[in-house]
C-alpha atoms as a PDB file:
ATOM      1  CA  MET A   1      -3.599  51.545  49.042  1.00  0.00           C
ATOM      2  CA  VAL A   2      -0.317  52.160  47.275  1.00  0.00           C
ATOM      3  CA  GLY A   3       1.233  49.461  49.619  1.00  0.00           C
ATOM      4  CA  SER A   4      -1.361  46.856  48.922  1.00  0.00           C
ATOM      5  CA  ARG A   5      -0.953  47.343  45.107  1.00  0.00           C
ATOM      6  CA  LYS A   6       2.839  46.597  45.569  1.00  0.00           C
ATOM      7  CA  ALA A   7       2.054  43.629  47.718  1.00  0.00           C
ATOM      8  CA  ARG A   8      -0.512  42.285  45.182  1.00  0.00           C
ATOM      9  CA  THR A   9       2.000  42.741  42.282  1.00  0.00           C
ATOM     10  CA  ALA A  10       4.776  41.052  44.218  1.00  0.00           C
ATOM     11  CA  ALA A  11       2.369  38.200  45.101  1.00  0.00           C
ATOM     12  CA  ASN A  12       1.293  37.836  41.440  1.00  0.00           C
ATOM     13  CA  LEU A  13       5.056  37.868  40.349  1.00  0.00           C
ATOM     14  CA  GLY A  14       5.904  35.221  42.972  1.00  0.00           C
ATOM     15  CA  ILE A  15       3.069  32.956  41.805  1.00  0.00           C
ATOM     16  CA  ALA A  16       4.086  33.408  38.136  1.00  0.00           C
ATOM     17  CA  SER A  17       7.652  32.631  39.018  1.00  0.00           C
ATOM     18  CA  ALA A  18       6.719  29.567  40.956  1.00  0.00           C
ATOM     19  CA  LEU A  19       4.469  28.362  38.161  1.00  0.00           C
ATOM     20  CA  ALA A  20       7.231  28.894  35.605  1.00  0.00           C
ATOM     21  CA  ILE A  21       9.716  26.963  37.714  1.00  0.00           C
ATOM     22  CA  PHE A  22       7.114  24.041  38.213  1.00  0.00           C
ATOM     23  CA  LEU A  23       6.509  23.848  34.475  1.00  0.00           C
ATOM     24  CA  GLY A  24      10.143  24.005  33.710  1.00  0.00           C
ATOM     25  CA  ALA A  25      10.692  21.129  35.978  1.00  0.00           C
ATOM     26  CA  CYS A  26       7.959  19.169  34.453  1.00  0.00           C
ATOM     27  CA  SER A  27       9.578  19.301  30.867  1.00  0.00           C
ATOM     28  CA  SER A  28      12.861  18.044  32.127  1.00  0.00           C
ATOM     29  CA  THR A  29      11.545  15.087  34.239  1.00  0.00           C
ATOM     30  CA  SER A  30       9.573  12.194  32.766  1.00  0.00           C
ATOM     31  CA  LEU A  31       6.351  11.375  34.525  1.00  0.00           C
ATOM     32  CA  PRO A  32       4.929   7.890  34.474  1.00  0.00           C
ATOM     33  CA  SER A  33       2.531   7.212  31.588  1.00  0.00           C
ATOM     34  CA  PHE A  34      -0.820   6.039  32.626  1.00  0.00           C
ATOM     35  CA  SER A  35      -2.204   5.472  29.127  1.00  0.00           C
ATOM     36  CA  SER A  36      -3.321   1.916  28.222  1.00  0.00           C
ATOM     37  CA  SER A  37      -1.565   1.832  24.933  1.00  0.00           C
ATOM     38  CA  SER A  38      -0.219  -1.549  24.099  1.00  0.00           C
ATOM     39  CA  PRO A  39       3.161  -2.180  22.424  1.00  0.00           C
ATOM     40  CA  GLU A  40       3.101  -2.206  18.664  1.00  0.00           C
ATOM     41  CA  PRO A  41       2.608  -5.609  17.119  1.00  0.00           C
ATOM     42  CA  ALA A  42       5.804  -7.337  15.628  1.00  0.00           C
ATOM     43  CA  PRO A  43       6.088  -6.885  11.862  1.00  0.00           C
ATOM     44  CA  VAL A  44       4.737  -9.913   9.957  1.00  0.00           C
ATOM     45  CA  PRO A  45       7.492 -11.666   8.215  1.00  0.00           C
ATOM     46  CA  GLU A  46       7.497 -11.166   4.475  1.00  0.00           C
ATOM     47  CA  MET A  47       6.336 -14.228   2.623  1.00  0.00           C
ATOM     48  CA  PRO A  48       7.296 -15.152  -0.820  1.00  0.00           C
ATOM     49  CA  ALA A  49       4.579 -15.300  -3.542  1.00  0.00           C
ATOM     50  CA  THR A  50       3.634 -18.620  -5.024  1.00  0.00           C
ATOM     51  CA  ILE A  51       3.888 -16.984  -8.376  1.00  0.00           C
ATOM     52  CA  ARG A  52       7.417 -15.950  -9.635  1.00  0.00           C
ATOM     53  CA  ALA A  53       8.151 -12.672 -11.407  1.00  0.00           C
ATOM     54  CA  ASP A  54       9.560 -14.584 -14.420  1.00  0.00           C
ATOM     55  CA  GLU A  55       6.212 -16.185 -14.817  1.00  0.00           C
ATOM     56  CA  ILE A  56       4.424 -12.904 -15.665  1.00  0.00           C
ATOM     57  CA  VAL A  57       7.104 -11.021 -17.471  1.00  0.00           C
ATOM     58  CA  GLY A  58       6.093 -10.814 -21.212  1.00  0.00           C
ATOM     59  CA  LYS A  59       3.569  -9.260 -23.561  1.00  0.00           C
ATOM     60  CA  TRP A  60      -0.110  -9.260 -22.497  1.00  0.00           C
ATOM     61  CA  GLY A  61      -3.499  -8.216 -24.041  1.00  0.00           C
ATOM     62  CA  LEU A  62      -5.336  -6.282 -21.446  1.00  0.00           C
ATOM     63  CA  ALA A  63      -9.033  -5.544 -20.665  1.00  0.00           C
ATOM     64  CA  SER A  64     -11.228  -5.405 -17.641  1.00  0.00           C
ATOM     65  CA  PHE A  65     -14.586  -6.329 -16.396  1.00  0.00           C
ATOM     66  CA  GLN A  66     -16.840  -5.435 -13.454  1.00  0.00           C
ATOM     67  CA  ASN A  67     -19.358  -8.274 -13.772  1.00  0.00           C
ATOM     68  CA  PRO A  68     -18.040 -11.829 -13.445  1.00  0.00           C
ATOM     69  CA  ASN A  69     -20.527 -13.058 -16.159  1.00  0.00           C
ATOM     70  CA  ASP A  70     -18.397 -10.865 -18.602  1.00  0.00           C
ATOM     71  CA  ARG A  71     -15.220 -12.683 -17.961  1.00  0.00           C
ATOM     72  CA  ALA A  72     -15.145 -14.981 -21.176  1.00  0.00           C
ATOM     73  CA  ARG A  73     -15.999 -12.022 -23.344  1.00  0.00           C
ATOM     74  CA  THR A  74     -13.412  -9.851 -21.648  1.00  0.00           C
ATOM     75  CA  GLU A  75     -10.625 -12.517 -22.255  1.00  0.00           C
ATOM     76  CA  ALA A  76     -11.412 -12.545 -25.837  1.00  0.00           C
ATOM     77  CA  ALA A  77     -11.286  -8.638 -25.927  1.00  0.00           C
ATOM     78  CA  ALA A  78      -7.899  -8.833 -24.067  1.00  0.00           C
ATOM     79  CA  LYS A  79      -6.539 -11.353 -26.584  1.00  0.00           C
ATOM     80  CA  ALA A  80      -7.585  -8.816 -29.353  1.00  0.00           C
ATOM     81  CA  GLN A  81      -5.310  -6.161 -27.619  1.00  0.00           C
ATOM     82  CA  CYS A  82      -2.063  -8.080 -28.455  1.00  0.00           C
ATOM     83  CA  LYS A  83      -1.679  -5.740 -31.511  1.00  0.00           C
ATOM     84  CA  GLN A  84      -0.781  -3.272 -28.859  1.00  0.00           C
ATOM     85  CA  PRO A  85       0.378  -5.362 -25.955  1.00  0.00           C
ATOM     86  CA  TYR A  86       0.803  -4.276 -22.376  1.00  0.00           C
ATOM     87  CA  VAL A  87       4.421  -5.236 -21.601  1.00  0.00           C
ATOM     88  CA  ILE A  88       5.447  -6.526 -18.087  1.00  0.00           C
ATOM     89  CA  GLY A  89       9.083  -6.134 -17.867  1.00  0.00           C
ATOM     90  CA  ALA A  90      11.589  -7.809 -15.597  1.00  0.00           C
ATOM     91  CA  GLY A  91      12.742  -5.545 -12.686  1.00  0.00           C
ATOM     92  CA  THR A  92      16.345  -5.111 -11.662  1.00  0.00           C
ATOM     93  CA  SER A  93      15.751  -6.223  -8.100  1.00  0.00           C
ATOM     94  CA  GLY A  94      13.746  -9.379  -8.941  1.00  0.00           C
ATOM     95  CA  GLY A  95      10.342  -7.724  -9.362  1.00  0.00           C
ATOM     96  CA  VAL A  96       8.249  -6.788 -12.344  1.00  0.00           C
ATOM     97  CA  ILE A  97       7.768  -3.385 -14.134  1.00  0.00           C
ATOM     98  CA  MET A  98       4.116  -2.369 -14.096  1.00  0.00           C
ATOM     99  CA  HIS A  99       1.971   0.640 -13.494  1.00  0.00           C
ATOM    100  CA  LEU A 100       0.393   1.431 -10.109  1.00  0.00           C
ATOM    101  CA  ALA A 101      -3.099   2.756 -10.246  1.00  0.00           C
ATOM    102  CA  ASP A 102      -3.377   6.241 -11.727  1.00  0.00           C
ATOM    103  CA  GLN A 103       0.361   6.461 -12.337  1.00  0.00           C
ATOM    104  CA  ALA A 104       1.664   7.194 -15.854  1.00  0.00           C
ATOM    105  CA  THR A 105       5.059   5.832 -15.338  1.00  0.00           C
ATOM    106  CA  PRO A 106       5.704   2.134 -14.677  1.00  0.00           C
ATOM    107  CA  GLN A 107       7.981   1.076 -11.712  1.00  0.00           C
ATOM    108  CA  GLU A 108       9.325  -1.995 -10.238  1.00  0.00           C
ATOM    109  CA  LEU A 109       6.842  -3.760  -8.180  1.00  0.00           C
ATOM    110  CA  ARG A 110       7.157  -6.981  -6.080  1.00  0.00           C
ATOM    111  CA  LEU A 111       5.194 -10.099  -5.983  1.00  0.00           C
ATOM    112  CA  LYS A 112       4.210 -10.784  -2.297  1.00  0.00           C
ATOM    113  CA  GLY A 113       2.791 -13.805  -0.644  1.00  0.00           C
ATOM    114  CA  SER A 114       0.449 -13.716   2.351  1.00  0.00           C
ATOM    115  CA  GLN A 115      -0.440 -15.997   5.298  1.00  0.00           C
ATOM    116  CA  THR A 116      -3.900 -16.477   3.751  1.00  0.00           C
ATOM    117  CA  GLY A 117      -2.246 -17.926   0.578  1.00  0.00           C
ATOM    118  CA  LYS A 118      -3.060 -14.922  -1.535  1.00  0.00           C
ATOM    119  CA  ASN A 119      -0.599 -13.365  -3.923  1.00  0.00           C
ATOM    120  CA  TYR A 120      -0.253  -9.482  -4.497  1.00  0.00           C
ATOM    121  CA  ILE A 121       1.728  -7.249  -6.821  1.00  0.00           C
ATOM    122  CA  GLY A 122       2.752  -3.890  -5.340  1.00  0.00           C
ATOM    123  CA  PRO A 123       5.518  -1.602  -4.008  1.00  0.00           C
ATOM    124  CA  PRO A 124       7.554  -2.782  -1.087  1.00  0.00           C
ATOM    125  CA  GLY A 125       5.660  -3.083   2.069  1.00  0.00           C
ATOM    126  CA  PRO A 126       3.169  -5.542   3.721  1.00  0.00           C
ATOM    127  CA  ALA A 127       1.054  -7.766   1.337  1.00  0.00           C
ATOM    128  CA  GLY A 128      -2.378  -6.406   0.734  1.00  0.00           C
ATOM    129  CA  GLY A 129      -1.354  -2.691   1.018  1.00  0.00           C
ATOM    130  CA  GLU A 130      -3.609   0.126  -0.458  1.00  0.00           C
ATOM    131  CA  GLN A 131      -1.371   0.264  -3.667  1.00  0.00           C
ATOM    132  CA  ASP A 132      -1.292  -3.542  -4.243  1.00  0.00           C
ATOM    133  CA  ARG A 133      -3.401  -5.464  -6.574  1.00  0.00           C
ATOM    134  CA  GLU A 134      -4.470  -8.970  -5.592  1.00  0.00           C
ATOM    135  CA  ILE A 135      -3.828 -11.685  -8.072  1.00  0.00           C
ATOM    136  CA  VAL A 136      -7.240 -13.236  -8.200  1.00  0.00           C
ATOM    137  CA  SER A 137      -6.252 -15.937 -10.553  1.00  0.00           C
ATOM    138  CA  PHE A 138      -3.346 -17.128 -12.685  1.00  0.00           C
ATOM    139  CA  ASP A 139      -2.978 -20.105 -14.972  1.00  0.00           C
ATOM    140  CA  GLY A 140       0.086 -19.290 -17.022  1.00  0.00           C
ATOM    141  CA  ARG A 141      -1.962 -18.006 -19.830  1.00  0.00           C
ATOM    142  CA  VAL A 142      -4.503 -15.642 -18.146  1.00  0.00           C
ATOM    143  CA  LEU A 143      -3.731 -13.326 -15.212  1.00  0.00           C
ATOM    144  CA  ILE A 144      -6.631 -11.634 -13.431  1.00  0.00           C
ATOM    145  CA  THR A 145      -5.858  -8.857 -10.766  1.00  0.00           C
ATOM    146  CA  ARG A 146      -7.955  -6.574  -8.781  1.00  0.00           C
ATOM    147  CA  PHE A 147      -6.732  -3.270  -6.954  1.00  0.00           C
ATOM    148  CA  ILE A 148      -7.070  -3.341  -3.198  1.00  0.00           C
ATOM    149  CA  GLU A 149      -7.818   0.330  -2.771  1.00  0.00           C
ATOM    150  CA  LYS A 150     -11.629   0.549  -3.155  1.00  0.00           C
ATOM    151  CA  ASP A 151     -11.799   3.628  -5.486  1.00  0.00           C
ATOM    152  CA  ALA A 152      -9.184   2.124  -7.970  1.00  0.00           C
ATOM    153  CA  ALA A 153     -10.967  -1.322  -7.762  1.00  0.00           C
ATOM    154  CA  THR A 154     -14.248   0.330  -8.710  1.00  0.00           C
ATOM    155  CA  ARG A 155     -12.780   2.306 -11.629  1.00  0.00           C
ATOM    156  CA  TYR A 156     -10.477  -0.469 -13.052  1.00  0.00           C
ATOM    157  CA  GLY A 157     -12.525  -3.471 -12.177  1.00  0.00           C
ATOM    158  CA  ASN A 158     -10.902  -6.924 -12.684  1.00  0.00           C
ATOM    159  CA  MET A 159      -7.886  -6.594 -14.865  1.00  0.00           C
ATOM    160  CA  VAL A 160      -7.507  -9.413 -17.400  1.00  0.00           C
ATOM    161  CA  TYR A 161      -4.186  -9.936 -18.965  1.00  0.00           C
ATOM    162  CA  VAL A 162      -4.037 -12.666 -21.695  1.00  0.00           C
ATOM    163  CA  ARG A 163      -0.539 -13.888 -22.813  1.00  0.00           C
ATOM    164  CA  CYS A 164       0.143 -12.689 -26.333  1.00  0.00           C
ATOM    165  CA  ALA A 165       2.645 -15.296 -27.279  1.00  0.00           C
ATOM    166  CA  PRO A 166       3.082 -18.893 -26.419  1.00  0.00           C
ATOM    167  CA  ARG A 167       5.209 -19.427 -23.246  1.00  0.00           C
ATOM    168  CA  ALA A 168       8.715 -20.196 -24.064  1.00  0.00           C
END
């Protein structure tokens, strides 16, 4: 009985050693991948916006609306805010200085174009990213934007910027 215990222990150690060697060999050799993952798509080339940063730099009255029927009233309310204007500054890298949603400190954002013809304002990255805002309309005097991120879009609505001073 003592001899069979030693034999069984020796057999278990042999199996454990063989398994350890096999597993060690697996980590040092690369096995072919059988996954069906496709290669990552090529990055979309960055498109310039059709609106230039210098076109939106300046002082703006700011208000927002949820219901499109409130647009005219909201533009008037934004114009009344010119006593305490929202200032969109010029960035050092060709962008504009504005706030991201829920951020207390403004930062330089970029104007970005898209293949669909839409324009966006946001941090570096692909157009239409979660932190971007879409430029819904712009006529030189009134700028309307909407955040892409659904929660921010719900809270802030359509942001209406009305130019406070005549364009120079």
